[in-house]
Amino acid sequence: MKSHNYFVYITTNPGKTVLYVGVTNDLVYRLDQHKENRGKPETFAGRYFCYKLVYYERYTYVQHAIDREKELKSWSREKKMNLIKSENPYLRFLKADP
C-alpha cells in the first residue's frame, strides 16, 4: 500500500514579521511556488514575501492535514510562535527536504 504525505507548514518573510500557514502534498514544490510569487499582490504569501520555511508537520491523511491547517490558522501569532519555537527555537529557515 502506498504511503501518502501531506504537510502543514508555516513560512515567514525574511524579516520574520509575518507568518503564513498552508497545506500541501509536495512541500518542495509549494515552497518554490511561494518563492516565485514573492512580491505579487494576488496572494497573501506573495504580498508579504512569505517563502521561508520555519515549521512543518507531516500527515498520512489529507483530511487530518486540512483540519490541522484550519486549527493553526485560528491561533494567535503568539501561539503559532510558541509552536514553531518548540521545534525551531532560533527560527532558522529550514530546507524543504521532508
N, C-alpha and C. Protein backbone atom coordinates (compact mmCIF):
# COMPACT_ATOMS: atom_id res chain seq x y z
N MET A 1 0.84 -1.18 0.00
CA MET A 1 0.00 0.00 0.00
C MET A 1 0.89 1.24 0.00
N LYS A 2 0.56 2.19 -0.86
CA LYS A 2 1.34 3.41 -0.99
C LYS A 2 1.10 4.34 0.19
N SER A 3 2.18 4.91 0.66
CA SER A 3 2.10 5.88 1.75
C SER A 3 1.91 7.28 1.17
N HIS A 4 1.01 8.03 1.74
CA HIS A 4 0.75 9.39 1.29
C HIS A 4 1.38 10.37 2.28
N ASN A 5 1.83 11.48 1.75
CA ASN A 5 2.40 12.52 2.59
C ASN A 5 1.70 13.84 2.31
N TYR A 6 1.24 14.46 3.37
CA TYR A 6 0.65 15.79 3.31
C TYR A 6 1.35 16.60 4.39
N PHE A 7 1.53 17.86 4.12
CA PHE A 7 2.27 18.71 5.03
C PHE A 7 1.48 19.96 5.39
N VAL A 8 1.48 20.26 6.66
CA VAL A 8 1.02 21.55 7.14
C VAL A 8 2.31 22.30 7.44
N TYR A 9 2.41 23.51 6.94
CA TYR A 9 3.68 24.22 7.05
C TYR A 9 3.45 25.68 7.43
N ILE A 10 4.49 26.27 7.98
CA ILE A 10 4.46 27.70 8.29
C ILE A 10 5.68 28.33 7.65
N THR A 11 5.43 29.37 6.89
CA THR A 11 6.51 30.15 6.30
C THR A 11 6.47 31.55 6.88
N THR A 12 7.56 32.25 6.68
CA THR A 12 7.66 33.64 7.11
C THR A 12 8.41 34.42 6.06
N ASN A 13 8.45 35.72 6.24
CA ASN A 13 9.22 36.56 5.33
C ASN A 13 10.65 36.68 5.86
N PRO A 14 11.58 37.21 5.07
CA PRO A 14 12.97 37.30 5.53
C PRO A 14 13.15 38.06 6.85
N GLY A 15 12.29 39.04 7.13
CA GLY A 15 12.38 39.77 8.39
C GLY A 15 11.66 39.10 9.54
N LYS A 16 11.01 37.98 9.28
CA LYS A 16 10.30 37.18 10.29
C LYS A 16 9.19 37.96 10.97
N THR A 17 8.50 38.81 10.21
CA THR A 17 7.43 39.63 10.79
C THR A 17 6.03 39.13 10.45
N VAL A 18 5.92 38.23 9.47
CA VAL A 18 4.62 37.73 9.02
C VAL A 18 4.68 36.21 8.98
N LEU A 19 3.59 35.55 9.38
CA LEU A 19 3.50 34.09 9.31
C LEU A 19 2.41 33.68 8.33
N TYR A 20 2.68 32.62 7.58
CA TYR A 20 1.70 32.06 6.65
C TYR A 20 1.58 30.58 6.94
N VAL A 21 0.36 30.08 7.08
CA VAL A 21 0.10 28.66 7.32
C VAL A 21 -0.54 28.08 6.07
N GLY A 22 -0.02 26.94 5.62
CA GLY A 22 -0.57 26.29 4.43
C GLY A 22 -0.54 24.79 4.55
N VAL A 23 -1.12 24.14 3.54
CA VAL A 23 -1.13 22.68 3.45
C VAL A 23 -0.81 22.29 2.02
N THR A 24 -0.08 21.19 1.85
CA THR A 24 0.31 20.74 0.52
C THR A 24 0.66 19.26 0.55
N ASN A 25 0.70 18.65 -0.62
CA ASN A 25 1.18 17.27 -0.70
C ASN A 25 2.60 17.22 -1.28
N ASP A 26 3.15 18.38 -1.63
CA ASP A 26 4.52 18.46 -2.16
C ASP A 26 5.16 19.73 -1.61
N LEU A 27 5.83 19.59 -0.50
CA LEU A 27 6.37 20.74 0.21
C LEU A 27 7.44 21.47 -0.60
N VAL A 28 8.32 20.75 -1.24
CA VAL A 28 9.39 21.38 -2.02
C VAL A 28 8.79 22.21 -3.15
N TYR A 29 7.86 21.63 -3.89
CA TYR A 29 7.23 22.34 -5.00
C TYR A 29 6.47 23.57 -4.50
N ARG A 30 5.74 23.41 -3.40
CA ARG A 30 4.93 24.52 -2.89
C ARG A 30 5.82 25.67 -2.43
N LEU A 31 6.93 25.37 -1.79
CA LEU A 31 7.84 26.43 -1.38
C LEU A 31 8.45 27.14 -2.58
N ASP A 32 8.73 26.39 -3.64
CA ASP A 32 9.21 27.02 -4.88
C ASP A 32 8.15 27.97 -5.42
N GLN A 33 6.88 27.57 -5.36
CA GLN A 33 5.80 28.45 -5.81
C GLN A 33 5.76 29.73 -4.99
N HIS A 34 5.88 29.59 -3.67
CA HIS A 34 5.88 30.78 -2.81
C HIS A 34 7.04 31.71 -3.18
N LYS A 35 8.20 31.12 -3.42
CA LYS A 35 9.36 31.94 -3.77
C LYS A 35 9.15 32.67 -5.10
N GLU A 36 8.57 31.97 -6.08
CA GLU A 36 8.30 32.58 -7.39
C GLU A 36 7.25 33.68 -7.29
N ASN A 37 6.34 33.57 -6.33
CA ASN A 37 5.25 34.54 -6.18
C ASN A 37 5.60 35.72 -5.29
N ARG A 38 6.80 35.74 -4.73
CA ARG A 38 7.14 36.82 -3.79
C ARG A 38 6.97 38.18 -4.46
N GLY A 39 6.33 39.05 -3.71
CA GLY A 39 6.07 40.40 -4.20
C GLY A 39 4.82 40.55 -5.04
N LYS A 40 4.16 39.45 -5.37
CA LYS A 40 2.93 39.53 -6.16
C LYS A 40 1.75 39.75 -5.22
N PRO A 41 0.98 40.80 -5.45
CA PRO A 41 -0.08 41.15 -4.51
C PRO A 41 -1.32 40.25 -4.56
N GLU A 42 -1.39 39.35 -5.53
CA GLU A 42 -2.59 38.49 -5.67
C GLU A 42 -2.71 37.46 -4.55
N THR A 43 -1.60 37.11 -3.92
CA THR A 43 -1.64 36.10 -2.86
C THR A 43 -1.08 36.68 -1.57
N PHE A 44 -1.57 36.18 -0.46
CA PHE A 44 -1.07 36.64 0.84
C PHE A 44 0.43 36.37 0.96
N ALA A 45 0.83 35.14 0.68
CA ALA A 45 2.24 34.77 0.82
C ALA A 45 3.11 35.61 -0.12
N GLY A 46 2.62 35.88 -1.32
CA GLY A 46 3.36 36.70 -2.27
C GLY A 46 3.45 38.15 -1.83
N ARG A 47 2.34 38.68 -1.41
CA ARG A 47 2.27 40.09 -0.98
C ARG A 47 3.22 40.37 0.18
N TYR A 48 3.34 39.40 1.10
CA TYR A 48 4.17 39.60 2.29
C TYR A 48 5.50 38.83 2.25
N PHE A 49 5.86 38.31 1.08
CA PHE A 49 7.16 37.63 0.89
C PHE A 49 7.36 36.46 1.84
N CYS A 50 6.29 35.69 2.07
CA CYS A 50 6.36 34.54 2.99
C CYS A 50 6.79 33.29 2.22
N TYR A 51 8.08 33.11 2.08
CA TYR A 51 8.58 31.94 1.36
C TYR A 51 9.67 31.19 2.13
N LYS A 52 9.95 31.62 3.34
CA LYS A 52 10.98 30.97 4.16
C LYS A 52 10.33 29.99 5.14
N LEU A 53 10.61 28.71 4.99
CA LEU A 53 10.03 27.67 5.84
C LEU A 53 10.64 27.71 7.24
N VAL A 54 9.76 27.73 8.25
CA VAL A 54 10.24 27.69 9.65
C VAL A 54 9.65 26.52 10.44
N TYR A 55 8.62 25.86 9.87
CA TYR A 55 7.98 24.78 10.62
C TYR A 55 7.14 23.93 9.66
N TYR A 56 7.11 22.62 9.90
CA TYR A 56 6.17 21.77 9.16
C TYR A 56 5.84 20.51 9.97
N GLU A 57 4.70 19.94 9.63
CA GLU A 57 4.25 18.67 10.19
C GLU A 57 3.83 17.79 9.03
N ARG A 58 4.06 16.50 9.16
CA ARG A 58 3.71 15.54 8.11
C ARG A 58 2.49 14.71 8.53
N TYR A 59 1.61 14.47 7.58
CA TYR A 59 0.39 13.67 7.82
C TYR A 59 0.23 12.64 6.71
N THR A 60 -0.41 11.54 7.06
CA THR A 60 -0.70 10.49 6.08
C THR A 60 -2.03 10.74 5.38
N TYR A 61 -2.96 11.35 6.09
CA TYR A 61 -4.31 11.55 5.56
C TYR A 61 -4.56 13.03 5.32
N VAL A 62 -5.05 13.34 4.14
CA VAL A 62 -5.26 14.73 3.76
C VAL A 62 -6.22 15.45 4.69
N GLN A 63 -7.27 14.77 5.14
CA GLN A 63 -8.24 15.44 6.00
C GLN A 63 -7.62 15.85 7.33
N HIS A 64 -6.71 15.02 7.85
CA HIS A 64 -6.02 15.38 9.09
C HIS A 64 -5.17 16.64 8.89
N ALA A 65 -4.51 16.71 7.74
CA ALA A 65 -3.68 17.89 7.43
C ALA A 65 -4.55 19.14 7.29
N ILE A 66 -5.67 19.01 6.61
CA ILE A 66 -6.58 20.15 6.42
C ILE A 66 -7.13 20.62 7.76
N ASP A 67 -7.52 19.68 8.59
CA ASP A 67 -8.05 20.03 9.93
C ASP A 67 -6.99 20.75 10.75
N ARG A 68 -5.76 20.26 10.69
CA ARG A 68 -4.68 20.90 11.44
C ARG A 68 -4.37 22.30 10.91
N GLU A 69 -4.38 22.46 9.58
CA GLU A 69 -4.16 23.78 8.99
C GLU A 69 -5.22 24.77 9.50
N LYS A 70 -6.46 24.35 9.49
CA LYS A 70 -7.54 25.22 9.98
C LYS A 70 -7.32 25.58 11.45
N GLU A 71 -6.91 24.59 12.23
CA GLU A 71 -6.66 24.84 13.64
C GLU A 71 -5.55 25.89 13.81
N LEU A 72 -4.42 25.69 13.12
CA LEU A 72 -3.30 26.62 13.25
C LEU A 72 -3.67 28.03 12.76
N LYS A 73 -4.44 28.11 11.70
CA LYS A 73 -4.83 29.42 11.18
C LYS A 73 -5.68 30.19 12.19
N SER A 74 -6.38 29.48 13.06
CA SER A 74 -7.23 30.15 14.04
C SER A 74 -6.44 30.62 15.27
N TRP A 75 -5.21 30.18 15.39
CA TRP A 75 -4.38 30.52 16.55
C TRP A 75 -3.87 31.95 16.46
N SER A 76 -3.54 32.50 17.60
CA SER A 76 -2.89 33.81 17.67
C SER A 76 -1.44 33.67 17.18
N ARG A 77 -0.86 34.79 16.82
CA ARG A 77 0.55 34.78 16.42
C ARG A 77 1.43 34.22 17.54
N GLU A 78 1.14 34.62 18.77
CA GLU A 78 1.94 34.17 19.91
C GLU A 78 1.91 32.64 20.03
N LYS A 79 0.74 32.07 19.88
CA LYS A 79 0.62 30.62 19.99
C LYS A 79 1.35 29.91 18.85
N LYS A 80 1.26 30.47 17.64
CA LYS A 80 2.00 29.91 16.49
C LYS A 80 3.49 30.00 16.74
N MET A 81 3.96 31.14 17.25
CA MET A 81 5.39 31.30 17.52
C MET A 81 5.87 30.30 18.57
N ASN A 82 5.06 30.05 19.59
CA ASN A 82 5.42 29.06 20.60
C ASN A 82 5.54 27.67 19.99
N LEU A 83 4.64 27.34 19.08
CA LEU A 83 4.71 26.04 18.38
C LEU A 83 5.99 25.97 17.56
N ILE A 84 6.25 26.98 16.77
CA ILE A 84 7.46 26.99 15.94
C ILE A 84 8.70 26.85 16.81
N LYS A 85 8.77 27.64 17.86
CA LYS A 85 9.95 27.63 18.72
C LYS A 85 10.13 26.33 19.49
N SER A 86 9.05 25.55 19.64
CA SER A 86 9.19 24.25 20.30
C SER A 86 10.03 23.29 19.47
N GLU A 87 10.07 23.49 18.17
CA GLU A 87 10.86 22.65 17.27
C GLU A 87 12.04 23.40 16.66
N ASN A 88 11.92 24.70 16.56
CA ASN A 88 12.90 25.53 15.86
C ASN A 88 13.12 26.80 16.69
N PRO A 89 13.80 26.67 17.85
CA PRO A 89 13.87 27.77 18.81
C PRO A 89 14.50 29.06 18.29
N TYR A 90 15.35 28.97 17.29
CA TYR A 90 16.02 30.16 16.77
C TYR A 90 15.40 30.67 15.46
N LEU A 91 14.25 30.10 15.11
CA LEU A 91 13.55 30.47 13.88
C LEU A 91 14.46 30.41 12.66
N ARG A 92 15.26 29.37 12.60
CA ARG A 92 16.12 29.18 11.44
C ARG A 92 15.26 28.84 10.24
N PHE A 93 15.69 29.27 9.07
CA PHE A 93 15.00 28.93 7.84
C PHE A 93 15.37 27.50 7.50
N LEU A 94 14.35 26.65 7.38
CA LEU A 94 14.55 25.24 7.12
C LEU A 94 14.61 24.96 5.63
N LYS A 95 15.27 23.88 5.29
CA LYS A 95 15.23 23.43 3.90
C LYS A 95 14.08 22.47 3.77
N ALA A 96 13.45 22.46 2.64
CA ALA A 96 12.29 21.60 2.41
C ALA A 96 12.73 20.24 1.91
N ASP A 97 13.21 19.41 2.80
CA ASP A 97 13.59 18.05 2.42
C ASP A 97 13.00 17.07 3.42
N PRO A 98 11.65 16.99 3.39
CA PRO A 98 10.95 16.13 4.35
C PRO A 98 11.18 14.67 4.18
